[in-house]
Amino acid sequence: MPMLCGGTAPPLEADDTIQKLVDGVKDNVEAKTGKKYDVFSAKTYTSQVVAGTNFFIKVHVGGDDHVHLFIHKKLPCHGGETSLEKLQESKSLHDPIGHF
């Protein structure tokens, strides 16, 4: 199924590239939630091409708990930086991942 311009891609299994994005914002996530995570493993994600790329990532944080992360990666011509935009706590493995 082709992605609509501005829409999100279908969910995919996380790979090493997505795990590196997640690892790069772990400290920010822990600061915002006030929690320390021994487990921080990207599971699935979807993306949206805008002026850069938005990533919506489901992350396993231990037990049955997951968080959803909204990470934005700027275009290389704008520095290519990655930033945590938003997060959602108290998610489960079965909660759908998408724009929030």
PDB file of N, CA and C in Angstrom:
ATOM      1  N   MET A   1       0.848  -1.177   0.000  1.00  0.00           N
ATOM      2  CA  MET A   1       0.000   0.000   0.000  1.00  0.00           C
ATOM      3  C   MET A   1       0.892   1.238   0.000  1.00  0.00           C
ATOM      4  N   PRO A   2       0.773   2.129  -0.970  1.00  0.00           N
ATOM      5  CA  PRO A   2       1.612   3.321  -1.016  1.00  0.00           C
ATOM      6  C   PRO A   2       1.236   4.302   0.084  1.00  0.00           C
ATOM      7  N   MET A   3       2.235   5.048   0.546  1.00  0.00           N
ATOM      8  CA  MET A   3       2.008   6.043   1.582  1.00  0.00           C
ATOM      9  C   MET A   3       1.458   7.314   0.937  1.00  0.00           C
ATOM     10  N   LEU A   4       0.434   7.886   1.545  1.00  0.00           N
ATOM     11  CA  LEU A   4      -0.111   9.150   1.088  1.00  0.00           C
ATOM     12  C   LEU A   4       0.834  10.272   1.486  1.00  0.00           C
ATOM     13  N   CYS A   5       0.932  11.281   0.670  1.00  0.00           N
ATOM     14  CA  CYS A   5       1.774  12.422   0.990  1.00  0.00           C
ATOM     15  C   CYS A   5       1.318  13.012   2.320  1.00  0.00           C
ATOM     16  N   GLY A   6       2.225  13.084   3.275  1.00  0.00           N
ATOM     17  CA  GLY A   6       1.904  13.609   4.600  1.00  0.00           C
ATOM     18  C   GLY A   6       1.316  12.583   5.538  1.00  0.00           C
ATOM     19  N   GLY A   7       0.925  11.407   5.030  1.00  0.00           N
ATOM     20  CA  GLY A   7       0.368  10.357   5.873  1.00  0.00           C
ATOM     21  C   GLY A   7       1.465   9.501   6.476  1.00  0.00           C
ATOM     22  N   THR A   8       1.068   8.597   7.365  1.00  0.00           N
ATOM     23  CA  THR A   8       2.044   7.691   7.962  1.00  0.00           C
ATOM     24  C   THR A   8       2.091   6.384   7.178  1.00  0.00           C
ATOM     25  N   ALA A   9       3.269   5.774   7.212  1.00  0.00           N
ATOM     26  CA  ALA A   9       3.462   4.476   6.570  1.00  0.00           C
ATOM     27  C   ALA A   9       2.810   3.393   7.427  1.00  0.00           C
ATOM     28  N   PRO A  10       2.540   2.228   6.863  1.00  0.00           N
ATOM     29  CA  PRO A  10       2.035   1.114   7.677  1.00  0.00           C
ATOM     30  C   PRO A  10       3.078   0.737   8.735  1.00  0.00           C
ATOM     31  N   PRO A  11       2.640   0.227   9.902  1.00  0.00           N
ATOM     32  CA  PRO A  11       3.592  -0.158  10.951  1.00  0.00           C
ATOM     33  C   PRO A  11       4.553  -1.252  10.483  1.00  0.00           C
ATOM     34  N   LEU A  12       5.794  -1.137  10.944  1.00  0.00           N
ATOM     35  CA  LEU A  12       6.851  -2.098  10.626  1.00  0.00           C
ATOM     36  C   LEU A  12       7.533  -2.549  11.902  1.00  0.00           C
ATOM     37  N   GLU A  13       8.218  -3.690  11.825  1.00  0.00           N
ATOM     38  CA  GLU A  13       9.032  -4.146  12.946  1.00  0.00           C
ATOM     39  C   GLU A  13      10.244  -3.225  13.066  1.00  0.00           C
ATOM     40  N   ALA A  14      10.606  -2.869  14.293  1.00  0.00           N
ATOM     41  CA  ALA A  14      11.761  -2.001  14.522  1.00  0.00           C
ATOM     42  C   ALA A  14      13.045  -2.738  14.150  1.00  0.00           C
ATOM     43  N   ASP A  15      14.010  -2.001  13.615  1.00  0.00           N
ATOM     44  CA  ASP A  15      15.310  -2.553  13.271  1.00  0.00           C
ATOM     45  C   ASP A  15      16.397  -1.798  14.038  1.00  0.00           C
ATOM     46  N   ASP A  16      17.653  -2.050  13.714  1.00  0.00           N
ATOM     47  CA  ASP A  16      18.764  -1.405  14.428  1.00  0.00           C
ATOM     48  C   ASP A  16      18.737   0.115  14.299  1.00  0.00           C
ATOM     49  N   THR A  17      18.331   0.623  13.151  1.00  0.00           N
ATOM     50  CA  THR A  17      18.264   2.073  12.947  1.00  0.00           C
ATOM     51  C   THR A  17      17.249   2.703  13.898  1.00  0.00           C
ATOM     52  N   ILE A  18      16.095   2.074  14.030  1.00  0.00           N
ATOM     53  CA  ILE A  18      15.053   2.588  14.924  1.00  0.00           C
ATOM     54  C   ILE A  18      15.500   2.460  16.376  1.00  0.00           C
ATOM     55  N   GLN A  19      16.153   1.352  16.727  1.00  0.00           N
ATOM     56  CA  GLN A  19      16.653   1.186  18.093  1.00  0.00           C
ATOM     57  C   GLN A  19      17.664   2.279  18.435  1.00  0.00           C
ATOM     58  N   LYS A  20      18.496   2.677  17.487  1.00  0.00           N
ATOM     59  CA  LYS A  20      19.466   3.757  17.728  1.00  0.00           C
ATOM     60  C   LYS A  20      18.749   5.081  17.985  1.00  0.00           C
ATOM     61  N   LEU A  21      17.660   5.347  17.262  1.00  0.00           N
ATOM     62  CA  LEU A  21      16.867   6.562  17.517  1.00  0.00           C
ATOM     63  C   LEU A  21      16.328   6.543  18.947  1.00  0.00           C
ATOM     64  N   VAL A  22      15.788   5.389  19.342  1.00  0.00           N
ATOM     65  CA  VAL A  22      15.206   5.221  20.680  1.00  0.00           C
ATOM     66  C   VAL A  22      16.289   5.374  21.755  1.00  0.00           C
ATOM     67  N   ASP A  23      17.430   4.732  21.538  1.00  0.00           N
ATOM     68  CA  ASP A  23      18.530   4.843  22.503  1.00  0.00           C
ATOM     69  C   ASP A  23      18.973   6.296  22.676  1.00  0.00           C
ATOM     70  N   GLY A  24      18.923   7.061  21.589  1.00  0.00           N
ATOM     71  CA  GLY A  24      19.343   8.459  21.627  1.00  0.00           C
ATOM     72  C   GLY A  24      18.445   9.372  22.434  1.00  0.00           C
ATOM     73  N   VAL A  25      17.201   8.962  22.692  1.00  0.00           N
ATOM     74  CA  VAL A  25      16.281   9.810  23.464  1.00  0.00           C
ATOM     75  C   VAL A  25      15.925   9.204  24.823  1.00  0.00           C
ATOM     76  N   LYS A  26      16.549   8.068  25.180  1.00  0.00           N
ATOM     77  CA  LYS A  26      16.198   7.381  26.430  1.00  0.00           C
ATOM     78  C   LYS A  26      16.328   8.306  27.641  1.00  0.00           C
ATOM     79  N   ASP A  27      17.418   9.057  27.738  1.00  0.00           N
ATOM     80  CA  ASP A  27      17.600   9.965  28.880  1.00  0.00           C
ATOM     81  C   ASP A  27      16.474  10.994  28.957  1.00  0.00           C
ATOM     82  N   ASN A  28      16.039  11.513  27.811  1.00  0.00           N
ATOM     83  CA  ASN A  28      14.930  12.483  27.786  1.00  0.00           C
ATOM     84  C   ASN A  28      13.633  11.844  28.237  1.00  0.00           C
ATOM     85  N   VAL A  29      13.391  10.599  27.805  1.00  0.00           N
ATOM     86  CA  VAL A  29      12.175   9.881  28.198  1.00  0.00           C
ATOM     87  C   VAL A  29      12.181   9.662  29.710  1.00  0.00           C
ATOM     88  N   GLU A  30      13.313   9.222  30.253  1.00  0.00           N
ATOM     89  CA  GLU A  30      13.401   8.996  31.696  1.00  0.00           C
ATOM     90  C   GLU A  30      13.217  10.292  32.469  1.00  0.00           C
ATOM     91  N   ALA A  31      13.741  11.397  31.965  1.00  0.00           N
ATOM     92  CA  ALA A  31      13.562  12.691  32.630  1.00  0.00           C
ATOM     93  C   ALA A  31      12.095  13.117  32.625  1.00  0.00           C
ATOM     94  N   LYS A  32      11.411  12.911  31.502  1.00  0.00           N
ATOM     95  CA  LYS A  32      10.005  13.322  31.395  1.00  0.00           C
ATOM     96  C   LYS A  32       9.077  12.434  32.216  1.00  0.00           C
ATOM     97  N   THR A  33       9.385  11.129  32.310  1.00  0.00           N
ATOM     98  CA  THR A  33       8.507  10.212  33.043  1.00  0.00           C
ATOM     99  C   THR A  33       8.893  10.081  34.507  1.00  0.00           C
ATOM    100  N   GLY A  34      10.130  10.490  34.848  1.00  0.00           N
ATOM    101  CA  GLY A  34      10.605  10.326  36.217  1.00  0.00           C
ATOM    102  C   GLY A  34      10.896   8.877  36.566  1.00  0.00           C
ATOM    103  N   LYS A  35      11.145   8.046  35.557  1.00  0.00           N
ATOM    104  CA  LYS A  35      11.397   6.618  35.758  1.00  0.00           C
ATOM    105  C   LYS A  35      12.721   6.234  35.117  1.00  0.00           C
ATOM    106  N   LYS A  36      13.339   5.185  35.650  1.00  0.00           N
ATOM    107  CA  LYS A  36      14.527   4.586  35.036  1.00  0.00           C
ATOM    108  C   LYS A  36      14.096   3.259  34.421  1.00  0.00           C
ATOM    109  N   TYR A  37      14.503   3.013  33.188  1.00  0.00           N
ATOM    110  CA  TYR A  37      14.103   1.811  32.472  1.00  0.00           C
ATOM    111  C   TYR A  37      15.298   0.886  32.274  1.00  0.00           C
ATOM    112  N   ASP A  38      15.195  -0.344  32.814  1.00  0.00           N
ATOM    113  CA  ASP A  38      16.213  -1.366  32.572  1.00  0.00           C
ATOM    114  C   ASP A  38      16.035  -1.967  31.183  1.00  0.00           C
ATOM    115  N   VAL A  39      14.791  -2.015  30.730  1.00  0.00           N
ATOM    116  CA  VAL A  39      14.454  -2.510  29.393  1.00  0.00           C
ATOM    117  C   VAL A  39      13.981  -1.301  28.591  1.00  0.00           C
ATOM    118  N   PHE A  40      14.490  -1.140  27.372  1.00  0.00           N
ATOM    119  CA  PHE A  40      14.095  -0.020  26.511  1.00  0.00           C
ATOM    120  C   PHE A  40      14.284  -0.471  25.068  1.00  0.00           C
ATOM    121  N   SER A  41      13.353  -1.301  24.603  1.00  0.00           N
ATOM    122  CA  SER A  41      13.508  -2.007  23.338  1.00  0.00           C
ATOM    123  C   SER A  41      12.414  -1.615  22.336  1.00  0.00           C
ATOM    124  N   ALA A  42      12.832  -1.023  21.224  1.00  0.00           N
ATOM    125  CA  ALA A  42      11.890  -0.650  20.163  1.00  0.00           C
ATOM    126  C   ALA A  42      11.250  -1.900  19.572  1.00  0.00           C
ATOM    127  N   LYS A  43       9.927  -1.881  19.412  1.00  0.00           N
ATOM    128  CA  LYS A  43       9.191  -3.033  18.886  1.00  0.00           C
ATOM    129  C   LYS A  43       8.654  -2.778  17.480  1.00  0.00           C
ATOM    130  N   THR A  44       7.811  -1.780  17.338  1.00  0.00           N
ATOM    131  CA  THR A  44       7.244  -1.443  16.033  1.00  0.00           C
ATOM    132  C   THR A  44       7.270   0.068  15.867  1.00  0.00           C
ATOM    133  N   TYR A  45       7.129   0.506  14.612  1.00  0.00           N
ATOM    134  CA  TYR A  45       7.129   1.940  14.353  1.00  0.00           C
ATOM    135  C   TYR A  45       6.396   2.234  13.059  1.00  0.00           C
ATOM    136  N   THR A  46       6.044   3.487  12.914  1.00  0.00           N
ATOM    137  CA  THR A  46       5.558   4.011  11.655  1.00  0.00           C
ATOM    138  C   THR A  46       6.249   5.353  11.461  1.00  0.00           C
ATOM    139  N   SER A  47       6.273   5.826  10.243  1.00  0.00           N
ATOM    140  CA  SER A  47       6.964   7.086   9.978  1.00  0.00           C
ATOM    141  C   SER A  47       6.126   7.968   9.064  1.00  0.00           C
ATOM    142  N   GLN A  48       6.482   9.244   9.072  1.00  0.00           N
ATOM    143  CA  GLN A  48       5.784  10.243   8.278  1.00  0.00           C
ATOM    144  C   GLN A  48       6.829  11.208   7.739  1.00  0.00           C
ATOM    145  N   VAL A  49       6.890  11.357   6.430  1.00  0.00           N
ATOM    146  CA  VAL A  49       7.827  12.291   5.823  1.00  0.00           C
ATOM    147  C   VAL A  49       7.197  13.668   5.807  1.00  0.00           C
ATOM    148  N   VAL A  50       7.883  14.601   6.445  1.00  0.00           N
ATOM    149  CA  VAL A  50       7.457  16.007   6.479  1.00  0.00           C
ATOM    150  C   VAL A  50       8.709  16.812   6.125  1.00  0.00           C
ATOM    151  N   ALA A  51       8.989  17.909   6.783  1.00  0.00           N
ATOM    152  CA  ALA A  51      10.254  18.624   6.614  1.00  0.00           C
ATOM    153  C   ALA A  51      11.269  17.902   7.496  1.00  0.00           C
ATOM    154  N   GLY A  52      11.572  16.682   7.119  1.00  0.00           N
ATOM    155  CA  GLY A  52      12.333  15.725   7.919  1.00  0.00           C
ATOM    156  C   GLY A  52      11.464  14.480   8.015  1.00  0.00           C
ATOM    157  N   THR A  53      11.670  13.703   9.068  1.00  0.00           N
ATOM    158  CA  THR A  53      10.856  12.502   9.254  1.00  0.00           C
ATOM    159  C   THR A  53      10.368  12.421  10.693  1.00  0.00           C
ATOM    160  N   ASN A  54       9.071  12.173  10.842  1.00  0.00           N
ATOM    161  CA  ASN A  54       8.487  11.883  12.151  1.00  0.00           C
ATOM    162  C   ASN A  54       8.448  10.366  12.313  1.00  0.00           C
ATOM    163  N   PHE A  55       8.874   9.908  13.478  1.00  0.00           N
ATOM    164  CA  PHE A  55       8.812   8.487  13.801  1.00  0.00           C
ATOM    165  C   PHE A  55       7.901   8.309  15.007  1.00  0.00           C
ATOM    166  N   PHE A  56       6.989   7.355  14.921  1.00  0.00           N
ATOM    167  CA  PHE A  56       6.095   6.997  16.019  1.00  0.00           C
ATOM    168  C   PHE A  56       6.468   5.569  16.383  1.00  0.00           C
ATOM    169  N   ILE A  57       7.051   5.395  17.583  1.00  0.00           N
ATOM    170  CA  ILE A  57       7.706   4.135  17.925  1.00  0.00           C
ATOM    171  C   ILE A  57       7.131   3.560  19.208  1.00  0.00           C
ATOM    172  N   LYS A  58       6.781   2.270  19.177  1.00  0.00           N
ATOM    173  CA  LYS A  58       6.346   1.539  20.366  1.00  0.00           C
ATOM    174  C   LYS A  58       7.590   0.934  21.010  1.00  0.00           C
ATOM    175  N   VAL A  59       7.802   1.220  22.308  1.00  0.00           N
ATOM    176  CA  VAL A  59       8.990   0.771  23.022  1.00  0.00           C
ATOM    177  C   VAL A  59       8.580  -0.044  24.242  1.00  0.00           C
ATOM    178  N   HIS A  60       9.116  -1.253  24.346  1.00  0.00           N
ATOM    179  CA  HIS A  60       8.889  -2.101  25.518  1.00  0.00           C
ATOM    180  C   HIS A  60       9.787  -1.594  26.637  1.00  0.00           C
ATOM    181  N   VAL A  61       9.195  -1.350  27.829  1.00  0.00           N
ATOM    182  CA  VAL A  61       9.959  -0.807  28.961  1.00  0.00           C
ATOM    183  C   VAL A  61       9.939  -1.734  30.171  1.00  0.00           C
ATOM    184  N   GLY A  62       9.549  -2.987  29.975  1.00  0.00           N
ATOM    185  CA  GLY A  62       9.555  -3.968  31.057  1.00  0.00           C
ATOM    186  C   GLY A  62       8.163  -4.492  31.363  1.00  0.00           C
ATOM    187  N   GLY A  63       8.094  -5.752  31.783  1.00  0.00           N
ATOM    188  CA  GLY A  63       6.804  -6.367  32.087  1.00  0.00           C
ATOM    189  C   GLY A  63       5.890  -6.299  30.886  1.00  0.00           C
ATOM    190  N   ASP A  64       4.659  -5.852  31.123  1.00  0.00           N
ATOM    191  CA  ASP A  64       3.703  -5.669  30.028  1.00  0.00           C
ATOM    192  C   ASP A  64       3.636  -4.209  29.583  1.00  0.00           C
ATOM    193  N   ASP A  65       4.532  -3.374  30.103  1.00  0.00           N
ATOM    194  CA  ASP A  65       4.474  -1.933  29.860  1.00  0.00           C
ATOM    195  C   ASP A  65       5.219  -1.519  28.591  1.00  0.00           C
ATOM    196  N   HIS A  66       4.621  -0.551  27.904  1.00  0.00           N
ATOM    197  CA  HIS A  66       5.207   0.044  26.712  1.00  0.00           C
ATOM    198  C   HIS A  66       4.991   1.549  26.777  1.00  0.00           C
ATOM    199  N   VAL A  67       5.824   2.288  26.086  1.00  0.00           N
ATOM    200  CA  VAL A  67       5.607   3.716  25.860  1.00  0.00           C
ATOM    201  C   VAL A  67       5.609   3.933  24.358  1.00  0.00           C
ATOM    202  N   HIS A  68       4.913   4.976  23.923  1.00  0.00           N
ATOM    203  CA  HIS A  68       4.927   5.379  22.524  1.00  0.00           C
ATOM    204  C   HIS A  68       5.710   6.678  22.449  1.00  0.00           C
ATOM    205  N   LEU A  69       6.662   6.731  21.530  1.00  0.00           N
ATOM    206  CA  LEU A  69       7.494   7.916  21.355  1.00  0.00           C
ATOM    207  C   LEU A  69       7.228   8.554  20.000  1.00  0.00           C
ATOM    208  N   PHE A  70       7.204   9.869  19.987  1.00  0.00           N
ATOM    209  CA  PHE A  70       7.140  10.659  18.758  1.00  0.00           C
ATOM    210  C   PHE A  70       8.492  11.349  18.665  1.00  0.00           C
ATOM    211  N   ILE A  71       9.308  10.897  17.711  1.00  0.00           N
ATOM    212  CA  ILE A  71      10.661  11.425  17.511  1.00  0.00           C
ATOM    213  C   ILE A  71      10.709  12.085  16.138  1.00  0.00           C
ATOM    214  N   HIS A  72      11.297  13.285  16.087  1.00  0.00           N
ATOM    215  CA  HIS A  72      11.454  13.985  14.805  1.00  0.00           C
ATOM    216  C   HIS A  72      12.933  14.044  14.442  1.00  0.00           C
ATOM    217  N   LYS A  73      13.238  13.696  13.200  1.00  0.00           N
ATOM    218  CA  LYS A  73      14.603  13.804  12.685  1.00  0.00           C
ATOM    219  C   LYS A  73      14.601  14.837  11.569  1.00  0.00           C
ATOM    220  N   LYS A  74      15.383  15.904  11.770  1.00  0.00           N
ATOM    221  CA  LYS A  74      15.468  16.965  10.766  1.00  0.00           C
ATOM    222  C   LYS A  74      16.202  16.480   9.525  1.00  0.00           C
ATOM    223  N   LEU A  75      15.947  17.154   8.431  1.00  0.00           N
ATOM    224  CA  LEU A  75      16.673  16.880   7.194  1.00  0.00           C
ATOM    225  C   LEU A  75      18.155  17.209   7.378  1.00  0.00           C
ATOM    226  N   PRO A  76      19.032  16.503   6.679  1.00  0.00           N
ATOM    227  CA  PRO A  76      20.469  16.799   6.791  1.00  0.00           C
ATOM    228  C   PRO A  76      20.813  18.263   6.498  1.00  0.00           C
ATOM    229  N   CYS A  77      20.111  18.873   5.561  1.00  0.00           N
ATOM    230  CA  CYS A  77      20.390  20.276   5.233  1.00  0.00           C
ATOM    231  C   CYS A  77      20.006  21.224   6.369  1.00  0.00           C
ATOM    232  N   HIS A  78      19.237  20.727   7.336  1.00  0.00           N
ATOM    233  CA  HIS A  78      18.853  21.515   8.512  1.00  0.00           C
ATOM    234  C   HIS A  78      19.541  21.009   9.770  1.00  0.00           C
ATOM    235  N   GLY A  79      20.609  20.250   9.599  1.00  0.00           N
ATOM    236  CA  GLY A  79      21.397  19.788  10.733  1.00  0.00           C
ATOM    237  C   GLY A  79      21.226  18.322  11.071  1.00  0.00           C
ATOM    238  N   GLY A  80      20.113  17.701  10.658  1.00  0.00           N
ATOM    239  CA  GLY A  80      19.910  16.278  10.884  1.00  0.00           C
ATOM    240  C   GLY A  80      19.687  15.866  12.324  1.00  0.00           C
ATOM    241  N   GLU A  81      19.465  16.829  13.234  1.00  0.00           N
ATOM    242  CA  GLU A  81      19.270  16.488  14.637  1.00  0.00           C
ATOM    243  C   GLU A  81      17.995  15.677  14.857  1.00  0.00           C
ATOM    244  N   THR A  82      18.026  14.904  15.940  1.00  0.00           N
ATOM    245  CA  THR A  82      16.884  14.090  16.350  1.00  0.00           C
ATOM    246  C   THR A  82      16.380  14.610  17.681  1.00  0.00           C
ATOM    247  N   SER A  83      15.057  14.716  17.828  1.00  0.00           N
ATOM    248  CA  SER A  83      14.502  15.202  19.092  1.00  0.00           C
ATOM    249  C   SER A  83      13.237  14.436  19.468  1.00  0.00           C
ATOM    250  N   LEU A  84      13.070  14.253  20.770  1.00  0.00           N
ATOM    251  CA  LEU A  84      11.842  13.671  21.311  1.00  0.00           C
ATOM    252  C   LEU A  84      10.799  14.774  21.350  1.00  0.00           C
ATOM    253  N   GLU A  85       9.710  14.588  20.625  1.00  0.00           N
ATOM    254  CA  GLU A  85       8.650  15.600  20.571  1.00  0.00           C
ATOM    255  C   GLU A  85       7.578  15.344  21.628  1.00  0.00           C
ATOM    256  N   LYS A  86       7.124  14.098  21.735  1.00  0.00           N
ATOM    257  CA  LYS A  86       6.061  13.727  22.676  1.00  0.00           C
ATOM    258  C   LYS A  86       6.257  12.284  23.083  1.00  0.00           C
ATOM    259  N   LEU A  87       5.576  11.896  24.157  1.00  0.00           N
ATOM    260  CA  LEU A  87       5.540  10.492  24.535  1.00  0.00           C
ATOM    261  C   LEU A  87       4.221  10.191  25.196  1.00  0.00           C
ATOM    262  N   GLN A  88       3.840   8.922  25.150  1.00  0.00           N
ATOM    263  CA  GLN A  88       2.633   8.435  25.813  1.00  0.00           C
ATOM    264  C   GLN A  88       3.032   7.244  26.668  1.00  0.00           C
ATOM    265  N   GLU A  89       2.613   7.256  27.934  1.00  0.00           N
ATOM    266  CA  GLU A  89       2.913   6.169  28.858  1.00  0.00           C
ATOM    267  C   GLU A  89       1.722   5.212  28.962  1.00  0.00           C
ATOM    268  N   SER A  90       1.936   4.132  29.717  1.00  0.00           N
ATOM    269  CA  SER A  90       0.889   3.151  30.044  1.00  0.00           C
ATOM    270  C   SER A  90       0.250   2.546  28.803  1.00  0.00           C
ATOM    271  N   LYS A  91       1.069   2.192  27.848  1.00  0.00           N
ATOM    272  CA  LYS A  91       0.591   1.536  26.633  1.00  0.00           C
ATOM    273  C   LYS A  91       0.848   0.036  26.753  1.00  0.00           C
ATOM    274  N   SER A  92       0.119  -0.747  25.955  1.00  0.00           N
ATOM    275  CA  SER A  92       0.303  -2.201  25.957  1.00  0.00           C
ATOM    276  C   SER A  92       0.864  -2.628  24.605  1.00  0.00           C
ATOM    277  N   LEU A  93       1.250  -3.888  24.529  1.00  0.00           N
ATOM    278  CA  LEU A  93       1.754  -4.446  23.276  1.00  0.00           C
ATOM    279  C   LEU A  93       0.720  -4.318  22.166  1.00  0.00           C
ATOM    280  N   HIS A  94      -0.564  -4.353  22.512  1.00  0.00           N
ATOM    281  CA  HIS A  94      -1.623  -4.385  21.506  1.00  0.00           C
ATOM    282  C   HIS A  94      -2.160  -3.005  21.128  1.00  0.00           C
ATOM    283  N   ASP A  95      -1.749  -1.956  21.827  1.00  0.00           N
ATOM    284  CA  ASP A  95      -2.192  -0.610  21.451  1.00  0.00           C
ATOM    285  C   ASP A  95      -1.596  -0.233  20.098  1.00  0.00           C
ATOM    286  N   PRO A  96      -2.410   0.279  19.192  1.00  0.00           N
ATOM    287  CA  PRO A  96      -1.879   0.651  17.874  1.00  0.00           C
ATOM    288  C   PRO A  96      -0.937   1.849  17.991  1.00  0.00           C
ATOM    289  N   ILE A  97       0.076   1.846  17.149  1.00  0.00           N
ATOM    290  CA  ILE A  97       1.018   2.964  17.099  1.00  0.00           C
ATOM    291  C   ILE A  97       0.629   3.862  15.929  1.00  0.00           C
ATOM    292  N   GLY A  98       0.704   5.153  16.141  1.00  0.00           N
ATOM    293  CA  GLY A  98       0.364   6.098  15.075  1.00  0.00           C
ATOM    294  C   GLY A  98       0.565   7.512  15.541  1.00  0.00           C
ATOM    295  N   HIS A  99       0.129   8.435  14.732  1.00  0.00           N
ATOM    296  CA  HIS A  99       0.312   9.864  15.017  1.00  0.00           C
ATOM    297  C   HIS A  99      -0.387  10.255  16.316  1.00  0.00           C
ATOM    298  N   PHE A 100       0.289  11.016  17.138  1.00  0.00           N
ATOM    299  CA  PHE A 100      -0.323  11.565  18.353  1.00  0.00           C
ATOM    300  C   PHE A 100       0.271  12.910  18.681  1.00  0.00           C
TER     301      PHE A 100
END
